[in-house]
């Protein structure tokens, strides 16, 4: 059974979003990292890049496949987890902690209310 922490928002594409002040932190869910298996590389975006809602901002490569990561909402990237360059396996080991991918300042902070709750996401993944 996948870990689905409370206090986060989720997408059907298996990203999680944590609101921290006027920014959000984004990563991939435990369910996603488990499906990908061993993550070996991530192509990270640059700080200052803007993302459209559901626009691709990164690509994660595992021993099985390469998968795009999508911005759940529109905004500007304010920080990138550079530790993932040398240790992409952090996304497997701590998907909700040290394995975060980016921080963003959203164009519309109220838009997070349109994302899935933990209960909705559990239903989405059949758990």
N, C-alpha and C. Protein backbone atom coordinates (compact mmCIF):
# COMPACT_ATOMS: atom_id res chain seq x y z
N UNK A 1 0.84 -1.19 0.00
CA UNK A 1 0.00 0.00 0.00
C UNK A 1 0.88 1.25 0.00
N UNK A 2 0.54 2.21 -0.83
CA UNK A 2 1.32 3.43 -0.97
C UNK A 2 1.09 4.37 0.21
N UNK A 3 2.14 5.12 0.53
CA UNK A 3 2.03 6.16 1.54
C UNK A 3 1.38 7.39 0.89
N UNK A 4 0.32 7.91 1.53
CA UNK A 4 -0.39 9.10 1.03
C UNK A 4 -0.59 10.02 2.24
N UNK A 5 0.41 10.88 2.52
CA UNK A 5 0.30 11.74 3.71
C UNK A 5 -0.84 12.75 3.64
N UNK A 6 -1.42 13.02 4.81
CA UNK A 6 -2.40 14.09 4.93
C UNK A 6 -1.68 15.43 4.81
N UNK A 7 -2.43 16.47 4.54
CA UNK A 7 -1.87 17.82 4.48
C UNK A 7 -1.25 18.17 3.14
N UNK A 8 -1.34 17.26 2.17
CA UNK A 8 -0.82 17.51 0.83
C UNK A 8 -1.97 17.46 -0.16
N UNK A 9 -1.71 17.96 -1.36
CA UNK A 9 -2.65 17.85 -2.47
C UNK A 9 -2.02 16.93 -3.50
N UNK A 10 -2.85 16.32 -4.35
CA UNK A 10 -2.36 15.31 -5.28
C UNK A 10 -2.96 15.51 -6.67
N UNK A 11 -2.29 14.92 -7.68
CA UNK A 11 -2.81 14.97 -9.06
C UNK A 11 -2.99 13.56 -9.59
N UNK A 12 -3.77 13.44 -10.65
CA UNK A 12 -3.95 12.14 -11.31
C UNK A 12 -2.65 11.67 -11.95
N UNK A 13 -1.72 12.60 -12.19
CA UNK A 13 -0.43 12.26 -12.79
C UNK A 13 0.60 11.87 -11.72
N UNK A 14 0.15 11.77 -10.47
CA UNK A 14 0.95 11.27 -9.34
C UNK A 14 2.01 12.25 -8.85
N UNK A 15 1.67 13.54 -8.88
CA UNK A 15 2.50 14.54 -8.20
C UNK A 15 1.82 14.91 -6.89
N UNK A 16 2.64 15.31 -5.91
CA UNK A 16 2.10 15.85 -4.66
C UNK A 16 2.50 17.31 -4.56
N UNK A 17 1.70 18.08 -3.81
CA UNK A 17 1.91 19.51 -3.65
C UNK A 17 1.73 19.85 -2.18
N UNK A 18 2.74 20.51 -1.61
CA UNK A 18 2.65 20.98 -0.22
C UNK A 18 2.70 22.50 -0.24
N UNK A 19 1.73 23.15 0.37
CA UNK A 19 1.70 24.61 0.45
C UNK A 19 2.57 25.04 1.61
N UNK A 20 3.52 25.95 1.32
CA UNK A 20 4.40 26.52 2.34
C UNK A 20 4.42 28.03 2.14
N UNK A 21 3.61 28.72 2.93
CA UNK A 21 3.51 30.17 2.78
C UNK A 21 2.92 30.52 1.43
N UNK A 22 3.64 31.36 0.66
CA UNK A 22 3.14 31.77 -0.65
C UNK A 22 3.74 30.93 -1.79
N UNK A 23 4.36 29.81 -1.43
CA UNK A 23 4.93 28.91 -2.43
C UNK A 23 4.40 27.50 -2.22
N UNK A 24 4.64 26.65 -3.22
CA UNK A 24 4.32 25.23 -3.09
C UNK A 24 5.58 24.42 -3.40
N UNK A 25 5.67 23.26 -2.76
CA UNK A 25 6.73 22.31 -3.04
C UNK A 25 6.08 21.16 -3.79
N UNK A 26 6.76 20.65 -4.83
CA UNK A 26 6.19 19.61 -5.68
C UNK A 26 7.17 18.44 -5.79
N UNK A 27 6.61 17.24 -5.76
CA UNK A 27 7.39 16.03 -5.96
C UNK A 27 6.50 14.95 -6.54
N UNK A 28 7.05 13.75 -6.67
CA UNK A 28 6.24 12.62 -7.14
C UNK A 28 5.82 11.78 -5.93
N UNK A 29 4.69 11.14 -6.05
CA UNK A 29 4.13 10.37 -4.94
C UNK A 29 4.87 9.05 -4.72
N UNK A 30 4.63 8.47 -3.58
CA UNK A 30 5.16 7.16 -3.26
C UNK A 30 4.68 6.14 -4.29
N UNK A 31 3.43 6.24 -4.69
CA UNK A 31 2.87 5.34 -5.71
C UNK A 31 3.66 5.46 -7.02
N UNK A 32 3.98 6.70 -7.42
CA UNK A 32 4.72 6.92 -8.66
C UNK A 32 6.13 6.37 -8.58
N UNK A 33 6.83 6.64 -7.48
CA UNK A 33 8.20 6.15 -7.38
C UNK A 33 8.24 4.63 -7.34
N UNK A 34 7.23 4.02 -6.74
CA UNK A 34 7.16 2.56 -6.68
C UNK A 34 6.93 1.98 -8.08
N UNK A 35 6.08 2.63 -8.87
CA UNK A 35 5.81 2.16 -10.23
C UNK A 35 7.03 2.34 -11.13
N UNK A 36 7.78 3.42 -10.92
CA UNK A 36 8.97 3.67 -11.73
C UNK A 36 10.11 2.70 -11.38
N UNK A 37 10.14 2.22 -10.19
CA UNK A 37 11.23 1.42 -9.59
C UNK A 37 12.45 2.31 -9.39
N UNK A 38 13.63 1.80 -9.61
CA UNK A 38 14.86 2.52 -9.26
C UNK A 38 15.08 3.73 -10.17
N UNK A 39 14.97 4.93 -9.60
CA UNK A 39 15.19 6.16 -10.34
C UNK A 39 16.69 6.41 -10.44
N UNK A 40 17.16 6.62 -11.66
CA UNK A 40 18.61 6.76 -11.88
C UNK A 40 19.01 8.15 -12.38
N UNK A 41 18.04 8.97 -12.81
CA UNK A 41 18.39 10.29 -13.35
C UNK A 41 17.13 11.17 -13.37
N UNK A 42 17.35 12.47 -13.19
CA UNK A 42 16.26 13.43 -13.40
C UNK A 42 16.81 14.63 -14.14
N UNK A 43 16.07 15.05 -15.15
CA UNK A 43 16.39 16.27 -15.88
C UNK A 43 15.61 17.39 -15.21
N UNK A 44 16.32 18.26 -14.50
CA UNK A 44 15.69 19.31 -13.71
C UNK A 44 15.53 20.60 -14.51
N UNK A 45 14.52 21.40 -14.19
CA UNK A 45 14.36 22.71 -14.83
C UNK A 45 15.30 23.73 -14.17
N UNK A 46 15.25 24.95 -14.65
CA UNK A 46 16.04 26.05 -14.10
C UNK A 46 15.16 26.94 -13.22
N UNK A 47 15.75 27.50 -12.18
CA UNK A 47 15.05 28.49 -11.37
C UNK A 47 14.69 29.67 -12.27
N UNK A 48 13.50 30.18 -12.11
CA UNK A 48 13.04 31.31 -12.91
C UNK A 48 12.19 30.89 -14.10
N UNK A 49 12.22 29.61 -14.47
CA UNK A 49 11.37 29.14 -15.56
C UNK A 49 9.91 29.24 -15.13
N UNK A 50 9.04 29.49 -16.10
CA UNK A 50 7.62 29.49 -15.80
C UNK A 50 7.00 28.22 -16.35
N UNK A 51 5.99 27.75 -15.67
CA UNK A 51 5.28 26.53 -16.07
C UNK A 51 3.82 26.86 -16.29
N UNK A 52 3.29 26.29 -17.34
CA UNK A 52 1.85 26.35 -17.55
C UNK A 52 1.22 25.21 -16.75
N UNK A 53 -0.05 25.33 -16.43
CA UNK A 53 -0.75 24.24 -15.76
C UNK A 53 -0.66 22.98 -16.62
N UNK A 54 -0.23 21.90 -16.05
CA UNK A 54 -0.02 20.60 -16.69
C UNK A 54 1.09 20.63 -17.75
N UNK A 55 1.98 21.63 -17.67
CA UNK A 55 3.13 21.68 -18.55
C UNK A 55 4.26 20.81 -17.98
N UNK A 56 4.98 20.15 -18.85
CA UNK A 56 6.09 19.30 -18.42
C UNK A 56 7.23 20.18 -17.91
N UNK A 57 7.77 19.86 -16.72
CA UNK A 57 8.88 20.64 -16.20
C UNK A 57 10.11 19.80 -15.90
N UNK A 58 10.00 18.49 -15.90
CA UNK A 58 11.15 17.62 -15.62
C UNK A 58 10.88 16.26 -16.26
N UNK A 59 11.96 15.48 -16.38
CA UNK A 59 11.85 14.10 -16.84
C UNK A 59 12.62 13.22 -15.87
N UNK A 60 11.95 12.19 -15.39
CA UNK A 60 12.57 11.23 -14.47
C UNK A 60 12.86 9.96 -15.25
N UNK A 61 14.10 9.47 -15.12
CA UNK A 61 14.47 8.22 -15.77
C UNK A 61 14.71 7.17 -14.70
N UNK A 62 14.13 5.99 -14.94
CA UNK A 62 14.34 4.86 -14.04
C UNK A 62 14.94 3.73 -14.85
N UNK A 63 15.21 2.62 -14.21
CA UNK A 63 15.73 1.47 -14.93
C UNK A 63 14.68 0.93 -15.90
N UNK A 64 13.39 1.29 -15.70
CA UNK A 64 12.31 0.81 -16.56
C UNK A 64 11.96 1.75 -17.69
N UNK A 65 11.93 3.06 -17.41
CA UNK A 65 11.42 4.00 -18.40
C UNK A 65 11.79 5.44 -18.07
N UNK A 66 11.43 6.34 -18.98
CA UNK A 66 11.54 7.78 -18.74
C UNK A 66 10.12 8.32 -18.66
N UNK A 67 9.86 9.16 -17.66
CA UNK A 67 8.52 9.69 -17.45
C UNK A 67 8.56 11.20 -17.25
N UNK A 68 7.70 11.94 -17.95
CA UNK A 68 7.63 13.38 -17.73
C UNK A 68 6.96 13.68 -16.39
N UNK A 69 7.35 14.80 -15.79
CA UNK A 69 6.72 15.30 -14.57
C UNK A 69 6.04 16.61 -14.95
N UNK A 70 4.79 16.75 -14.53
CA UNK A 70 3.98 17.88 -14.94
C UNK A 70 3.74 18.83 -13.77
N UNK A 71 3.69 20.12 -14.08
CA UNK A 71 3.33 21.13 -13.08
C UNK A 71 1.83 21.06 -12.87
N UNK A 72 1.39 20.79 -11.66
CA UNK A 72 -0.05 20.69 -11.41
C UNK A 72 -0.78 22.01 -11.65
N UNK A 73 -0.06 23.12 -11.43
CA UNK A 73 -0.64 24.45 -11.58
C UNK A 73 0.39 25.38 -12.22
N UNK A 74 -0.06 26.50 -12.73
CA UNK A 74 0.83 27.46 -13.39
C UNK A 74 1.57 28.31 -12.36
N UNK A 75 2.83 28.61 -12.69
CA UNK A 75 3.61 29.47 -11.81
C UNK A 75 5.06 29.55 -12.23
N UNK A 76 5.87 30.14 -11.35
CA UNK A 76 7.30 30.31 -11.61
C UNK A 76 8.11 29.46 -10.64
N UNK A 77 9.10 28.77 -11.16
CA UNK A 77 9.97 27.93 -10.33
C UNK A 77 10.90 28.83 -9.53
N UNK A 78 10.87 28.67 -8.21
CA UNK A 78 11.69 29.51 -7.33
C UNK A 78 12.88 28.75 -6.74
N UNK A 79 12.84 27.42 -6.78
CA UNK A 79 13.95 26.61 -6.27
C UNK A 79 13.88 25.23 -6.91
N UNK A 80 15.05 24.62 -7.07
CA UNK A 80 15.17 23.28 -7.64
C UNK A 80 16.01 22.46 -6.67
N UNK A 81 15.63 21.23 -6.45
CA UNK A 81 16.37 20.35 -5.54
C UNK A 81 17.61 19.79 -6.26
N UNK A 82 18.71 20.55 -6.20
CA UNK A 82 19.94 20.17 -6.88
C UNK A 82 20.55 18.88 -6.34
N UNK A 83 20.18 18.48 -5.13
CA UNK A 83 20.70 17.23 -4.57
C UNK A 83 20.32 16.04 -5.45
N UNK A 84 19.22 16.18 -6.21
CA UNK A 84 18.77 15.08 -7.06
C UNK A 84 19.72 14.82 -8.23
N UNK A 85 20.55 15.83 -8.60
CA UNK A 85 21.55 15.61 -9.65
C UNK A 85 22.49 14.47 -9.29
N UNK A 86 22.96 14.47 -8.04
CA UNK A 86 23.90 13.45 -7.58
C UNK A 86 23.23 12.27 -6.91
N UNK A 87 21.98 12.47 -6.46
CA UNK A 87 21.30 11.40 -5.72
C UNK A 87 19.83 11.31 -6.12
N UNK A 88 19.54 10.94 -7.39
CA UNK A 88 18.14 10.85 -7.82
C UNK A 88 17.35 9.81 -7.04
N UNK A 89 18.06 8.86 -6.42
CA UNK A 89 17.38 7.82 -5.64
C UNK A 89 16.65 8.39 -4.42
N UNK A 90 16.91 9.66 -4.06
CA UNK A 90 16.17 10.29 -2.97
C UNK A 90 14.67 10.28 -3.26
N UNK A 91 14.30 10.32 -4.55
CA UNK A 91 12.88 10.26 -4.90
C UNK A 91 12.28 8.91 -4.54
N UNK A 92 13.08 7.84 -4.57
CA UNK A 92 12.62 6.53 -4.13
C UNK A 92 12.61 6.44 -2.61
N UNK A 93 13.67 6.95 -1.99
CA UNK A 93 13.85 6.78 -0.55
C UNK A 93 12.95 7.69 0.27
N UNK A 94 12.79 8.93 -0.14
CA UNK A 94 12.01 9.92 0.62
C UNK A 94 11.17 10.77 -0.33
N UNK A 95 10.17 10.19 -0.99
CA UNK A 95 9.43 10.96 -1.99
C UNK A 95 8.75 12.22 -1.44
N UNK A 96 8.39 12.21 -0.15
CA UNK A 96 7.70 13.37 0.43
C UNK A 96 8.65 14.25 1.26
N UNK A 97 9.91 13.90 1.31
CA UNK A 97 10.88 14.66 2.09
C UNK A 97 12.02 15.14 1.21
N UNK A 98 13.20 14.54 1.38
CA UNK A 98 14.40 14.95 0.65
C UNK A 98 14.29 14.75 -0.85
N UNK A 99 13.28 14.00 -1.30
CA UNK A 99 13.09 13.74 -2.73
C UNK A 99 12.21 14.75 -3.45
N UNK A 100 11.92 15.90 -2.81
CA UNK A 100 11.12 16.93 -3.49
C UNK A 100 11.86 17.38 -4.76
N UNK A 101 11.12 17.94 -5.72
CA UNK A 101 11.74 18.31 -7.00
C UNK A 101 11.88 19.82 -7.16
N UNK A 102 10.77 20.56 -7.03
CA UNK A 102 10.83 22.02 -7.21
C UNK A 102 9.96 22.74 -6.19
N UNK A 103 10.23 24.04 -6.05
CA UNK A 103 9.36 24.98 -5.36
C UNK A 103 8.85 25.95 -6.41
N UNK A 104 7.59 26.35 -6.27
CA UNK A 104 6.98 27.29 -7.22
C UNK A 104 6.19 28.37 -6.50
N UNK A 105 6.16 29.54 -7.12
CA UNK A 105 5.23 30.59 -6.72
C UNK A 105 4.11 30.51 -7.75
N UNK A 106 2.91 30.20 -7.28
CA UNK A 106 1.77 30.00 -8.18
C UNK A 106 1.22 31.32 -8.70
N UNK A 107 0.73 31.27 -9.94
CA UNK A 107 0.04 32.44 -10.49
C UNK A 107 -1.26 32.71 -9.75
N UNK A 108 -1.92 31.63 -9.29
CA UNK A 108 -3.18 31.74 -8.56
C UNK A 108 -3.13 30.75 -7.39
N UNK A 109 -2.78 31.25 -6.21
CA UNK A 109 -2.61 30.39 -5.04
C UNK A 109 -3.89 29.65 -4.67
N UNK A 110 -5.05 30.20 -4.99
CA UNK A 110 -6.30 29.53 -4.63
C UNK A 110 -6.55 28.29 -5.50
N UNK A 111 -5.80 28.13 -6.57
CA UNK A 111 -6.01 27.01 -7.49
C UNK A 111 -5.69 25.66 -6.84
N UNK A 112 -4.94 25.65 -5.74
CA UNK A 112 -4.64 24.36 -5.09
C UNK A 112 -5.92 23.66 -4.65
N UNK A 113 -6.96 24.42 -4.41
CA UNK A 113 -8.23 23.81 -3.97
C UNK A 113 -8.85 22.94 -5.06
N UNK A 114 -8.38 23.05 -6.29
CA UNK A 114 -8.91 22.22 -7.38
C UNK A 114 -8.23 20.86 -7.45
N UNK A 115 -7.17 20.65 -6.66
CA UNK A 115 -6.42 19.40 -6.69
C UNK A 115 -7.05 18.36 -5.78
N UNK A 116 -6.59 17.11 -5.87
CA UNK A 116 -7.17 16.02 -5.09
C UNK A 116 -6.71 16.03 -3.64
N UNK A 117 -7.62 15.66 -2.77
CA UNK A 117 -7.29 15.45 -1.35
C UNK A 117 -6.62 14.09 -1.21
N UNK A 118 -6.02 13.80 -0.04
CA UNK A 118 -5.46 12.47 0.18
C UNK A 118 -6.49 11.35 -0.05
N UNK A 119 -7.72 11.53 0.42
CA UNK A 119 -8.75 10.51 0.25
C UNK A 119 -9.09 10.33 -1.24
N UNK A 120 -9.18 11.43 -1.96
CA UNK A 120 -9.45 11.35 -3.41
C UNK A 120 -8.31 10.61 -4.13
N UNK A 121 -7.08 10.92 -3.75
CA UNK A 121 -5.94 10.27 -4.41
C UNK A 121 -5.91 8.78 -4.09
N UNK A 122 -6.18 8.41 -2.84
CA UNK A 122 -6.23 6.99 -2.49
C UNK A 122 -7.27 6.26 -3.36
N UNK A 123 -8.41 6.89 -3.56
CA UNK A 123 -9.44 6.29 -4.41
C UNK A 123 -8.95 6.20 -5.85
N UNK A 124 -8.24 7.22 -6.31
CA UNK A 124 -7.71 7.24 -7.68
C UNK A 124 -6.76 6.07 -7.92
N UNK A 125 -5.92 5.75 -6.93
CA UNK A 125 -4.95 4.65 -7.12
C UNK A 125 -5.46 3.31 -6.60
N UNK A 126 -6.72 3.30 -6.18
CA UNK A 126 -7.34 2.06 -5.76
C UNK A 126 -6.90 1.54 -4.41
N UNK A 127 -6.62 2.45 -3.50
CA UNK A 127 -6.19 2.03 -2.15
C UNK A 127 -7.10 2.60 -1.07
